[in-house]
Amino acid sequence: MERAHAIGELYRRVLDALHEISSSDHQLTRLEELRSELREAYAPLMHSVRVVVLEGPSATAVAAQAVLDAALKVNRCLWHITRGDADARVRFNEVREAYLRCQGRFVESARAAMEAS
């Protein structure tokens, strides 16, 4: 949960950069910085998901994998934004919201699994 939350926080910072930085050069610099932070945060998330998949109940494992898959989509979309794809800006919000929904389902599943044990 902690790893998924950290990724979600970085996505919020991306939105801030998209909305608050008017200079395209400064915005691109900030987005590249955030992409770097996301790359660093992705590996621990991937490791944590693997642990859940190997050790957790199947419903929680499926929910954890969905978080990882959704993160990959958001990260790809951010890459497209930094390459100048105007449509990617619109898609970013959509895939970010999908990530947050997956994260919410994972948290619910993990809590239910902990309560059941």
N, C-alpha and C. Protein backbone atom coordinates (compact mmCIF):
# COMPACT_ATOMS: atom_id res chain seq x y z
N MET A 1 0.82 -1.19 0.00
CA MET A 1 0.00 0.00 0.00
C MET A 1 0.86 1.26 0.00
N GLU A 2 1.93 1.19 0.77
CA GLU A 2 2.82 2.36 0.85
C GLU A 2 3.43 2.69 -0.50
N ARG A 3 3.87 1.68 -1.21
CA ARG A 3 4.49 1.90 -2.53
C ARG A 3 3.47 2.47 -3.53
N ALA A 4 2.28 1.93 -3.51
CA ALA A 4 1.23 2.41 -4.42
C ALA A 4 0.86 3.86 -4.09
N HIS A 5 0.84 4.19 -2.80
CA HIS A 5 0.53 5.56 -2.40
C HIS A 5 1.63 6.51 -2.87
N ALA A 6 2.89 6.11 -2.76
CA ALA A 6 4.00 6.96 -3.19
C ALA A 6 3.91 7.26 -4.68
N ILE A 7 3.56 6.26 -5.46
CA ILE A 7 3.39 6.46 -6.91
C ILE A 7 2.24 7.44 -7.16
N GLY A 8 1.13 7.25 -6.46
CA GLY A 8 -0.01 8.14 -6.61
C GLY A 8 0.33 9.58 -6.28
N GLU A 9 1.16 9.78 -5.28
CA GLU A 9 1.60 11.12 -4.92
C GLU A 9 2.44 11.74 -6.04
N LEU A 10 3.28 10.96 -6.67
CA LEU A 10 4.06 11.48 -7.79
C LEU A 10 3.15 11.86 -8.96
N TYR A 11 2.10 11.09 -9.19
CA TYR A 11 1.16 11.43 -10.25
C TYR A 11 0.45 12.75 -9.93
N ARG A 12 0.16 13.00 -8.65
CA ARG A 12 -0.44 14.27 -8.27
C ARG A 12 0.52 15.42 -8.58
N ARG A 13 1.79 15.20 -8.35
CA ARG A 13 2.79 16.23 -8.66
C ARG A 13 2.88 16.49 -10.17
N VAL A 14 2.68 15.44 -10.96
CA VAL A 14 2.65 15.62 -12.41
C VAL A 14 1.48 16.53 -12.78
N LEU A 15 0.31 16.26 -12.20
CA LEU A 15 -0.84 17.12 -12.48
C LEU A 15 -0.56 18.56 -12.08
N ASP A 16 0.07 18.74 -10.93
CA ASP A 16 0.43 20.10 -10.49
C ASP A 16 1.32 20.76 -11.54
N ALA A 17 2.30 20.05 -12.03
CA ALA A 17 3.21 20.61 -13.03
C ALA A 17 2.47 20.97 -14.31
N LEU A 18 1.55 20.11 -14.70
CA LEU A 18 0.80 20.37 -15.93
C LEU A 18 -0.10 21.60 -15.80
N HIS A 19 -0.62 21.83 -14.60
CA HIS A 19 -1.55 22.93 -14.41
C HIS A 19 -0.90 24.22 -13.92
N GLU A 20 0.22 24.11 -13.23
CA GLU A 20 0.78 25.29 -12.57
C GLU A 20 1.98 25.92 -13.28
N ILE A 21 2.65 25.16 -14.12
CA ILE A 21 3.84 25.68 -14.79
C ILE A 21 3.47 26.10 -16.20
N SER A 22 3.56 27.39 -16.46
CA SER A 22 3.13 27.90 -17.77
C SER A 22 4.22 27.81 -18.83
N SER A 23 5.47 27.93 -18.43
CA SER A 23 6.57 27.85 -19.38
C SER A 23 6.74 26.40 -19.85
N SER A 24 6.67 26.19 -21.15
CA SER A 24 6.78 24.82 -21.65
C SER A 24 8.15 24.22 -21.36
N ASP A 25 9.20 25.03 -21.39
CA ASP A 25 10.54 24.51 -21.07
C ASP A 25 10.64 24.09 -19.61
N HIS A 26 10.14 24.93 -18.72
CA HIS A 26 10.18 24.60 -17.29
C HIS A 26 9.29 23.40 -16.98
N GLN A 27 8.14 23.36 -17.65
CA GLN A 27 7.24 22.24 -17.45
C GLN A 27 7.88 20.93 -17.89
N LEU A 28 8.52 20.95 -19.05
CA LEU A 28 9.18 19.74 -19.55
C LEU A 28 10.29 19.30 -18.60
N THR A 29 11.05 20.25 -18.09
CA THR A 29 12.11 19.92 -17.14
C THR A 29 11.53 19.26 -15.90
N ARG A 30 10.44 19.83 -15.37
CA ARG A 30 9.81 19.27 -14.17
C ARG A 30 9.23 17.88 -14.46
N LEU A 31 8.61 17.71 -15.61
CA LEU A 31 8.05 16.40 -15.95
C LEU A 31 9.14 15.35 -16.09
N GLU A 32 10.27 15.73 -16.66
CA GLU A 32 11.39 14.78 -16.76
C GLU A 32 11.91 14.42 -15.38
N GLU A 33 11.97 15.37 -14.46
CA GLU A 33 12.38 15.09 -13.08
C GLU A 33 11.41 14.10 -12.44
N LEU A 34 10.13 14.32 -12.64
CA LEU A 34 9.13 13.43 -12.08
C LEU A 34 9.18 12.05 -12.71
N ARG A 35 9.46 11.98 -14.01
CA ARG A 35 9.62 10.67 -14.66
C ARG A 35 10.77 9.90 -14.02
N SER A 36 11.84 10.60 -13.71
CA SER A 36 12.98 9.97 -13.06
C SER A 36 12.58 9.45 -11.67
N GLU A 37 11.86 10.26 -10.92
CA GLU A 37 11.39 9.82 -9.60
C GLU A 37 10.45 8.62 -9.72
N LEU A 38 9.61 8.64 -10.75
CA LEU A 38 8.70 7.51 -10.95
C LEU A 38 9.45 6.24 -11.30
N ARG A 39 10.49 6.36 -12.11
CA ARG A 39 11.30 5.17 -12.43
C ARG A 39 11.90 4.58 -11.16
N GLU A 40 12.38 5.44 -10.28
CA GLU A 40 12.96 4.97 -9.02
C GLU A 40 11.90 4.35 -8.11
N ALA A 41 10.68 4.87 -8.15
CA ALA A 41 9.60 4.36 -7.30
C ALA A 41 8.95 3.11 -7.87
N TYR A 42 9.07 2.90 -9.18
CA TYR A 42 8.41 1.77 -9.84
C TYR A 42 9.02 0.43 -9.43
N ALA A 43 10.33 0.37 -9.33
CA ALA A 43 10.98 -0.91 -8.99
C ALA A 43 10.53 -1.42 -7.61
N PRO A 44 10.50 -0.58 -6.57
CA PRO A 44 10.00 -1.07 -5.28
C PRO A 44 8.52 -1.48 -5.35
N LEU A 45 7.73 -0.76 -6.15
CA LEU A 45 6.33 -1.15 -6.31
C LEU A 45 6.25 -2.53 -6.95
N MET A 46 7.03 -2.74 -8.00
CA MET A 46 7.03 -4.03 -8.69
C MET A 46 7.44 -5.15 -7.73
N HIS A 47 8.45 -4.91 -6.92
CA HIS A 47 8.89 -5.91 -5.94
C HIS A 47 7.76 -6.21 -4.94
N SER A 48 7.13 -5.16 -4.45
CA SER A 48 6.05 -5.36 -3.48
C SER A 48 4.89 -6.14 -4.08
N VAL A 49 4.56 -5.83 -5.32
CA VAL A 49 3.47 -6.57 -5.98
C VAL A 49 3.85 -8.03 -6.14
N ARG A 50 5.10 -8.31 -6.48
CA ARG A 50 5.53 -9.71 -6.61
C ARG A 50 5.37 -10.45 -5.29
N VAL A 51 5.68 -9.79 -4.18
CA VAL A 51 5.52 -10.41 -2.87
C VAL A 51 4.04 -10.72 -2.61
N VAL A 52 3.18 -9.76 -2.91
CA VAL A 52 1.75 -9.97 -2.71
C VAL A 52 1.25 -11.10 -3.60
N VAL A 53 1.70 -11.13 -4.84
CA VAL A 53 1.27 -12.18 -5.77
C VAL A 53 1.72 -13.56 -5.26
N LEU A 54 2.91 -13.63 -4.72
CA LEU A 54 3.43 -14.92 -4.24
C LEU A 54 2.84 -15.34 -2.89
N GLU A 55 2.58 -14.37 -2.02
CA GLU A 55 2.22 -14.72 -0.65
C GLU A 55 0.79 -14.37 -0.27
N GLY A 56 0.15 -13.52 -1.03
CA GLY A 56 -1.17 -13.04 -0.63
C GLY A 56 -2.29 -13.89 -1.17
N PRO A 57 -3.49 -13.63 -0.66
CA PRO A 57 -4.68 -14.30 -1.22
C PRO A 57 -4.86 -13.90 -2.68
N SER A 58 -5.52 -14.74 -3.44
CA SER A 58 -5.61 -14.52 -4.88
C SER A 58 -6.31 -13.21 -5.23
N ALA A 59 -7.37 -12.85 -4.52
CA ALA A 59 -8.07 -11.60 -4.84
C ALA A 59 -7.17 -10.39 -4.61
N THR A 60 -6.38 -10.43 -3.56
CA THR A 60 -5.45 -9.34 -3.27
C THR A 60 -4.33 -9.32 -4.29
N ALA A 61 -3.88 -10.49 -4.71
CA ALA A 61 -2.82 -10.57 -5.72
C ALA A 61 -3.30 -9.98 -7.05
N VAL A 62 -4.53 -10.28 -7.43
CA VAL A 62 -5.08 -9.74 -8.66
C VAL A 62 -5.20 -8.21 -8.56
N ALA A 63 -5.64 -7.72 -7.43
CA ALA A 63 -5.77 -6.28 -7.23
C ALA A 63 -4.41 -5.60 -7.25
N ALA A 64 -3.41 -6.23 -6.65
CA ALA A 64 -2.06 -5.66 -6.64
C ALA A 64 -1.49 -5.62 -8.05
N GLN A 65 -1.68 -6.67 -8.82
CA GLN A 65 -1.20 -6.69 -10.20
C GLN A 65 -1.88 -5.63 -11.04
N ALA A 66 -3.15 -5.38 -10.77
CA ALA A 66 -3.88 -4.34 -11.50
C ALA A 66 -3.28 -2.96 -11.21
N VAL A 67 -2.83 -2.73 -9.98
CA VAL A 67 -2.17 -1.47 -9.63
C VAL A 67 -0.89 -1.32 -10.45
N LEU A 68 -0.10 -2.37 -10.51
CA LEU A 68 1.15 -2.32 -11.27
C LEU A 68 0.88 -2.08 -12.76
N ASP A 69 -0.09 -2.78 -13.31
CA ASP A 69 -0.43 -2.60 -14.73
C ASP A 69 -0.91 -1.18 -15.01
N ALA A 70 -1.72 -0.64 -14.09
CA ALA A 70 -2.22 0.72 -14.26
C ALA A 70 -1.09 1.73 -14.17
N ALA A 71 -0.13 1.49 -13.26
CA ALA A 71 1.02 2.39 -13.13
C ALA A 71 1.82 2.42 -14.42
N LEU A 72 1.98 1.29 -15.03
CA LEU A 72 2.72 1.23 -16.29
C LEU A 72 2.03 2.08 -17.36
N LYS A 73 0.71 2.03 -17.42
CA LYS A 73 -0.03 2.83 -18.39
C LYS A 73 0.14 4.33 -18.12
N VAL A 74 0.11 4.72 -16.86
CA VAL A 74 0.27 6.13 -16.54
C VAL A 74 1.68 6.58 -16.90
N ASN A 75 2.66 5.76 -16.56
CA ASN A 75 4.05 6.12 -16.87
C ASN A 75 4.27 6.25 -18.38
N ARG A 76 3.69 5.36 -19.15
CA ARG A 76 3.80 5.46 -20.61
C ARG A 76 3.15 6.74 -21.13
N CYS A 77 2.02 7.06 -20.56
CA CYS A 77 1.32 8.27 -20.97
C CYS A 77 2.17 9.50 -20.66
N LEU A 78 2.80 9.51 -19.51
CA LEU A 78 3.67 10.63 -19.16
C LEU A 78 4.83 10.73 -20.15
N TRP A 79 5.38 9.60 -20.55
CA TRP A 79 6.45 9.61 -21.55
C TRP A 79 5.96 10.27 -22.83
N HIS A 80 4.74 9.93 -23.25
CA HIS A 80 4.18 10.52 -24.47
C HIS A 80 3.99 12.03 -24.31
N ILE A 81 3.62 12.47 -23.11
CA ILE A 81 3.49 13.91 -22.87
C ILE A 81 4.83 14.59 -23.08
N THR A 82 5.89 14.00 -22.54
CA THR A 82 7.21 14.63 -22.66
C THR A 82 7.72 14.61 -24.09
N ARG A 83 7.11 13.81 -24.94
CA ARG A 83 7.49 13.77 -26.35
C ARG A 83 6.61 14.68 -27.21
N GLY A 84 5.73 15.44 -26.55
CA GLY A 84 4.93 16.42 -27.27
C GLY A 84 3.59 15.94 -27.77
N ASP A 85 3.15 14.77 -27.37
CA ASP A 85 1.86 14.23 -27.80
C ASP A 85 0.74 14.95 -27.05
N ALA A 86 0.03 15.83 -27.74
CA ALA A 86 -1.02 16.63 -27.11
C ALA A 86 -2.16 15.76 -26.58
N ASP A 87 -2.50 14.70 -27.26
CA ASP A 87 -3.57 13.80 -26.80
C ASP A 87 -3.20 13.11 -25.48
N ALA A 88 -1.92 12.95 -25.24
CA ALA A 88 -1.49 12.26 -24.02
C ALA A 88 -1.86 13.05 -22.78
N ARG A 89 -1.93 14.35 -22.87
CA ARG A 89 -2.33 15.17 -21.71
C ARG A 89 -3.75 14.82 -21.27
N VAL A 90 -4.63 14.65 -22.22
CA VAL A 90 -6.00 14.28 -21.90
C VAL A 90 -6.03 12.86 -21.35
N ARG A 91 -5.32 11.97 -21.99
CA ARG A 91 -5.29 10.57 -21.54
C ARG A 91 -4.66 10.42 -20.17
N PHE A 92 -3.70 11.30 -19.83
CA PHE A 92 -3.03 11.20 -18.54
C PHE A 92 -4.04 11.21 -17.40
N ASN A 93 -4.95 12.14 -17.43
CA ASN A 93 -5.92 12.22 -16.35
C ASN A 93 -6.78 10.96 -16.30
N GLU A 94 -7.15 10.43 -17.47
CA GLU A 94 -7.96 9.22 -17.52
C GLU A 94 -7.22 8.02 -16.93
N VAL A 95 -5.97 7.82 -17.34
CA VAL A 95 -5.23 6.66 -16.84
C VAL A 95 -4.82 6.85 -15.38
N ARG A 96 -4.61 8.09 -14.97
CA ARG A 96 -4.31 8.35 -13.56
C ARG A 96 -5.52 8.01 -12.69
N GLU A 97 -6.70 8.41 -13.15
CA GLU A 97 -7.91 8.07 -12.40
C GLU A 97 -8.12 6.56 -12.34
N ALA A 98 -7.82 5.87 -13.43
CA ALA A 98 -7.91 4.40 -13.44
C ALA A 98 -6.93 3.81 -12.42
N TYR A 99 -5.72 4.39 -12.36
CA TYR A 99 -4.74 3.94 -11.37
C TYR A 99 -5.30 4.10 -9.95
N LEU A 100 -5.87 5.25 -9.67
CA LEU A 100 -6.41 5.50 -8.34
C LEU A 100 -7.54 4.53 -8.00
N ARG A 101 -8.37 4.19 -8.99
CA ARG A 101 -9.43 3.20 -8.75
C ARG A 101 -8.82 1.82 -8.43
N CYS A 102 -7.79 1.44 -9.17
CA CYS A 102 -7.11 0.16 -8.91
C CYS A 102 -6.48 0.18 -7.52
N GLN A 103 -5.88 1.29 -7.18
CA GLN A 103 -5.27 1.42 -5.87
C GLN A 103 -6.33 1.27 -4.77
N GLY A 104 -7.47 1.89 -4.95
CA GLY A 104 -8.56 1.77 -3.98
C GLY A 104 -9.05 0.34 -3.84
N ARG A 105 -9.19 -0.36 -4.96
CA ARG A 105 -9.62 -1.77 -4.90
C ARG A 105 -8.57 -2.63 -4.20
N PHE A 106 -7.29 -2.33 -4.45
CA PHE A 106 -6.23 -3.08 -3.78
C PHE A 106 -6.29 -2.85 -2.27
N VAL A 107 -6.44 -1.61 -1.85
CA VAL A 107 -6.51 -1.31 -0.42
C VAL A 107 -7.68 -2.04 0.22
N GLU A 108 -8.84 -2.01 -0.43
CA GLU A 108 -10.01 -2.72 0.09
C GLU A 108 -9.74 -4.21 0.21
N SER A 109 -9.14 -4.79 -0.82
CA SER A 109 -8.85 -6.23 -0.81
C SER A 109 -7.83 -6.58 0.26
N ALA A 110 -6.80 -5.76 0.40
CA ALA A 110 -5.77 -6.02 1.40
C ALA A 110 -6.36 -5.92 2.81
N ARG A 111 -7.18 -4.93 3.03
CA ARG A 111 -7.82 -4.79 4.36
C ARG A 111 -8.71 -5.98 4.67
N ALA A 112 -9.49 -6.39 3.68
CA ALA A 112 -10.37 -7.54 3.88
C ALA A 112 -9.55 -8.79 4.19
N ALA A 113 -8.43 -8.96 3.50
CA ALA A 113 -7.57 -10.14 3.73
C ALA A 113 -6.97 -10.08 5.14
N MET A 114 -6.57 -8.91 5.56
CA MET A 114 -5.99 -8.78 6.91
C MET A 114 -7.04 -9.03 7.99
N GLU A 115 -8.25 -8.57 7.76
CA GLU A 115 -9.32 -8.80 8.72
C GLU A 115 -9.70 -10.27 8.80
N ALA A 116 -9.61 -10.95 7.69
CA ALA A 116 -9.98 -12.37 7.63
C ALA A 116 -8.93 -13.27 8.30
N SER A 117 -7.71 -12.76 8.43
CA SER A 117 -6.66 -13.64 8.99
C SER A 117 -6.52 -13.52 10.47
